[in-house]
Amino acid sequence: MRHALPLSLLAGGILVTACLLSVGGEVASPADAPVATQKPASHAGSGRTAVALSVAPAVAKPEVADSEIESLAARALGGELSAREREQLLAQAGETVAAVLRSAAAGDVATQGRAPVVLAQLGAAALPGLEQGLHHEDPLQRRLAVMALLQLGEIARPAAASLATARTDPDLAVRAAAELAWKRAIGDTSDVDRSRATHDAVANQSSR
């Protein structure tokens, strides 16, 4: 469904405020907005020329149908997407995240293992959808969402508050992954530092 805000024309200064056309949850760029053109019109006997404004029809960006997003999400989990199809999914990242989580949760273990990587490839655009995934009633979808946030590392910093809340999730796996993802998101390297120190201590003892 498309929604257009009203077109405001201020003829006094021939100032045209182009309407914003929303397509599939996106705001069209100025190049896609209606184009106003000036057409001089003479009035007989008046000796004056008025300027008429006409608005060319807007060209909408193609919208990917929900069923197609579901299909593309399933193919993304199988690594079968073309570059153009990836762009389509990235343009509707919110719907893509939800579709990938649904498809992965209904798939086999291998598919579920690929889901966090596929979602992380969407980058920061996936964050709102992944934060919603943390609140899904299905614990498996919450696990996949938090693992994707873990993959994103510090890119997931805007989702740090949601990750902090997820550390008290009823599901043990979600809690554990949320703890790690939260620390990575805020740049806390204490676990890595301890692990490195332990490794170095063992290595030093072995060399003696």
Protein backbone atom coordinates (compact mmCIF):
# COMPACT_ATOMS: atom_id res chain seq x y z
CA MET A 1 0.00 0.00 0.00
CA ARG A 2 1.33 3.47 -0.85
CA HIS A 3 0.68 6.66 1.11
CA ALA A 4 1.35 10.15 -0.21
CA LEU A 5 1.48 13.33 1.82
CA PRO A 6 -0.41 16.33 0.32
CA LEU A 7 1.37 18.46 -2.33
CA SER A 8 1.76 22.05 -1.22
CA LEU A 9 2.14 24.66 -3.95
CA LEU A 10 2.95 28.24 -2.99
CA ALA A 11 2.24 30.05 -6.27
CA GLY A 12 3.18 33.52 -4.99
CA GLY A 13 6.87 32.78 -5.17
CA ILE A 14 6.37 29.85 -7.53
CA LEU A 15 7.70 27.68 -4.70
CA VAL A 16 6.76 24.05 -4.94
CA THR A 17 7.05 21.78 -1.94
CA ALA A 18 7.13 18.31 -3.47
CA CYS A 19 5.21 15.64 -1.67
CA LEU A 20 7.01 12.76 -0.03
CA LEU A 21 6.01 9.43 -1.49
CA SER A 22 6.31 6.50 0.85
CA VAL A 23 6.76 3.13 -0.85
CA GLY A 24 6.95 -0.06 1.23
CA GLY A 25 8.02 1.83 4.33
CA GLU A 26 10.68 3.89 2.46
CA VAL A 27 10.69 7.57 1.65
CA ALA A 28 11.31 8.19 -2.02
CA SER A 29 14.28 10.32 -2.97
CA PRO A 30 13.77 13.79 -4.45
CA ALA A 31 14.36 12.32 -7.90
CA ASP A 32 11.28 10.15 -7.45
CA ALA A 33 9.02 12.94 -6.20
CA PRO A 34 6.51 14.73 -8.46
CA VAL A 35 8.17 17.26 -10.72
CA ALA A 36 6.59 20.70 -11.07
CA THR A 37 7.00 22.50 -14.38
CA GLN A 38 6.19 26.11 -15.27
CA LYS A 39 3.95 26.82 -18.26
CA PRO A 40 3.39 30.47 -19.29
CA ALA A 41 -0.22 31.29 -20.13
CA SER A 42 -1.23 34.58 -21.73
CA HIS A 43 -4.50 36.30 -20.84
CA ALA A 44 -6.05 38.08 -23.79
CA GLY A 45 -6.29 41.85 -23.35
CA SER A 46 -4.59 41.85 -19.98
CA GLY A 47 -1.05 42.31 -21.24
CA ARG A 48 0.11 40.02 -18.48
CA THR A 49 1.45 36.52 -18.56
CA ALA A 50 0.56 34.10 -15.76
CA VAL A 51 2.58 31.07 -14.86
CA ALA A 52 0.71 27.77 -14.57
CA LEU A 53 2.14 24.91 -12.59
CA SER A 54 1.68 21.33 -13.68
CA VAL A 55 2.83 18.31 -11.73
CA ALA A 56 4.23 15.30 -13.55
CA PRO A 57 3.17 11.91 -12.16
CA ALA A 58 5.56 10.41 -9.62
CA VAL A 59 7.49 7.29 -10.53
CA ALA A 60 7.28 4.87 -7.61
CA LYS A 61 10.10 2.55 -6.63
CA PRO A 62 9.26 -1.12 -7.14
CA GLU A 63 7.99 -2.76 -3.97
CA VAL A 64 8.87 -6.35 -3.20
CA ALA A 65 5.76 -8.31 -2.27
CA ASP A 66 5.72 -10.03 1.12
CA SER A 67 5.60 -13.47 -0.51
CA GLU A 68 8.65 -12.58 -2.56
CA ILE A 69 10.53 -11.44 0.55
CA GLU A 70 9.77 -14.79 2.16
CA SER A 71 11.09 -16.57 -0.92
CA LEU A 72 14.21 -14.42 -1.12
CA ALA A 73 14.85 -14.90 2.61
CA ALA A 74 14.77 -18.67 2.16
CA ARG A 75 17.12 -18.42 -0.81
CA ALA A 76 19.45 -16.13 1.15
CA LEU A 77 19.77 -18.84 3.79
CA GLY A 78 20.79 -21.19 1.00
CA GLY A 79 23.32 -18.71 -0.42
CA GLU A 80 21.51 -18.47 -3.74
CA LEU A 81 20.91 -14.71 -4.05
CA SER A 82 22.07 -12.47 -6.88
CA ALA A 83 23.51 -9.02 -6.15
CA ARG A 84 20.25 -7.38 -7.26
CA GLU A 85 18.20 -9.60 -4.96
CA ARG A 86 20.47 -8.73 -2.03
CA GLU A 87 19.81 -5.06 -2.72
CA GLN A 88 16.07 -5.76 -2.67
CA LEU A 89 16.30 -7.39 0.74
CA LEU A 90 18.57 -4.67 2.11
CA ALA A 91 16.07 -2.02 0.97
CA GLN A 92 13.44 -3.66 3.19
CA ALA A 93 15.70 -4.80 6.01
CA GLY A 94 12.97 -4.88 8.65
CA GLU A 95 10.77 -7.28 6.71
CA THR A 96 13.84 -9.26 5.65
CA VAL A 97 14.99 -9.86 9.23
CA ALA A 98 11.56 -11.14 10.26
CA ALA A 99 11.36 -13.38 7.18
CA VAL A 100 14.84 -14.83 7.72
CA LEU A 101 14.10 -15.54 11.38
CA ARG A 102 10.85 -17.31 10.47
CA SER A 103 12.42 -19.31 7.66
CA ALA A 104 15.44 -20.32 9.75
CA ALA A 105 13.34 -21.33 12.75
CA ALA A 106 11.32 -23.62 10.49
CA GLY A 107 14.43 -25.07 8.87
CA ASP A 108 17.04 -27.63 9.83
CA VAL A 109 20.03 -27.13 12.10
CA ALA A 110 22.33 -26.18 9.21
CA THR A 111 19.90 -23.48 8.08
CA GLN A 112 19.66 -22.12 11.60
CA GLY A 113 23.45 -22.04 11.81
CA ARG A 114 23.62 -19.86 8.68
CA ALA A 115 20.92 -17.42 9.79
CA PRO A 116 23.06 -15.19 12.10
CA VAL A 117 25.64 -14.70 9.33
CA VAL A 118 22.98 -13.89 6.73
CA LEU A 119 21.36 -11.39 9.09
CA ALA A 120 24.67 -9.80 10.08
CA GLN A 121 25.40 -9.18 6.39
CA LEU A 122 22.57 -6.64 6.43
CA GLY A 123 24.67 -4.52 8.78
CA ALA A 124 23.21 -1.71 10.86
CA ALA A 125 20.01 -1.76 8.79
CA ALA A 126 19.09 -5.04 10.51
CA LEU A 127 19.22 -3.63 14.05
CA PRO A 128 15.55 -2.58 14.45
CA GLY A 129 14.35 -5.96 13.18
CA LEU A 130 16.81 -7.86 15.36
CA GLU A 131 15.75 -5.90 18.44
CA GLN A 132 12.17 -6.91 17.70
CA GLY A 133 13.38 -10.48 17.30
CA LEU A 134 14.73 -10.39 20.85
CA HIS A 135 11.12 -10.06 22.06
CA HIS A 136 9.63 -12.81 19.89
CA GLU A 137 7.59 -15.44 21.71
CA ASP A 138 9.59 -18.23 20.03
CA PRO A 139 12.85 -18.77 21.97
CA LEU A 140 14.54 -20.14 18.84
CA GLN A 141 13.92 -16.88 16.98
CA ARG A 142 15.25 -14.96 19.97
CA ARG A 143 18.41 -17.11 19.91
CA LEU A 144 18.95 -16.46 16.22
CA ALA A 145 18.40 -12.73 16.67
CA VAL A 146 20.86 -12.45 19.55
CA MET A 147 23.46 -14.51 17.68
CA ALA A 148 23.17 -12.12 14.74
CA LEU A 149 23.72 -9.20 17.10
CA LEU A 150 26.76 -11.00 18.47
CA GLN A 151 28.08 -11.32 14.91
CA LEU A 152 27.64 -7.57 14.40
CA GLY A 153 29.91 -6.70 17.33
CA GLU A 154 30.19 -2.97 18.00
CA ILE A 155 27.87 -2.23 15.09
CA ALA A 156 25.15 -3.43 17.48
CA ARG A 157 25.94 -0.66 20.00
CA PRO A 158 22.56 1.09 19.35
CA ALA A 159 20.90 -2.16 20.48
CA ALA A 160 22.90 -2.35 23.73
CA ALA A 161 19.88 -1.57 25.91
CA SER A 162 17.86 -4.36 24.30
CA LEU A 163 20.78 -6.75 24.74
CA ALA A 164 21.12 -5.77 28.40
CA THR A 165 17.46 -6.68 28.90
CA ALA A 166 17.92 -9.95 27.02
CA ARG A 167 20.50 -11.00 29.64
CA THR A 168 17.52 -11.88 31.84
CA ASP A 169 15.67 -13.83 29.14
CA PRO A 170 13.91 -17.02 30.34
CA ASP A 171 15.92 -19.03 27.80
CA LEU A 172 19.43 -19.92 29.02
CA ALA A 173 20.96 -19.87 25.53
CA VAL A 174 19.55 -16.40 24.86
CA ARG A 175 20.88 -15.12 28.19
CA ALA A 176 24.38 -16.45 27.54
CA ALA A 177 24.57 -15.09 23.99
CA ALA A 178 23.08 -11.75 25.07
CA GLU A 179 25.79 -11.34 27.71
CA LEU A 180 28.51 -11.83 25.10
CA ALA A 181 26.76 -9.70 22.49
CA TRP A 182 26.20 -6.88 24.97
CA LYS A 183 29.86 -6.82 25.96
CA ARG A 184 30.97 -6.79 22.34
CA ALA A 185 28.50 -4.04 21.49
CA ILE A 186 29.78 -1.71 24.23
CA GLY A 187 33.42 -2.57 23.55
CA ASP A 188 33.98 -4.53 26.77
CA THR A 189 36.96 -6.79 26.06
CA SER A 190 37.40 -8.09 29.61
CA ASP A 191 36.52 -11.68 28.68
CA VAL A 192 38.93 -11.64 25.75
CA ASP A 193 41.64 -10.10 27.93
CA ARG A 194 41.21 -12.80 30.58
CA SER A 195 41.25 -15.54 27.98
CA ARG A 196 44.40 -14.12 26.42
CA ALA A 197 46.08 -13.82 29.83
CA THR A 198 45.23 -17.45 30.64
CA HIS A 199 46.55 -18.58 27.27
CA ASP A 200 49.79 -16.66 27.74
CA ALA A 201 50.26 -18.07 31.26
CA VAL A 202 49.84 -21.63 30.02
CA ALA A 203 52.22 -20.96 27.13
CA ASN A 204 54.87 -19.57 29.48
CA GLN A 205 54.66 -22.58 31.78
CA SER A 206 54.97 -24.96 28.84
CA SER A 207 58.10 -23.22 27.59
CA ARG A 208 59.96 -23.64 30.91
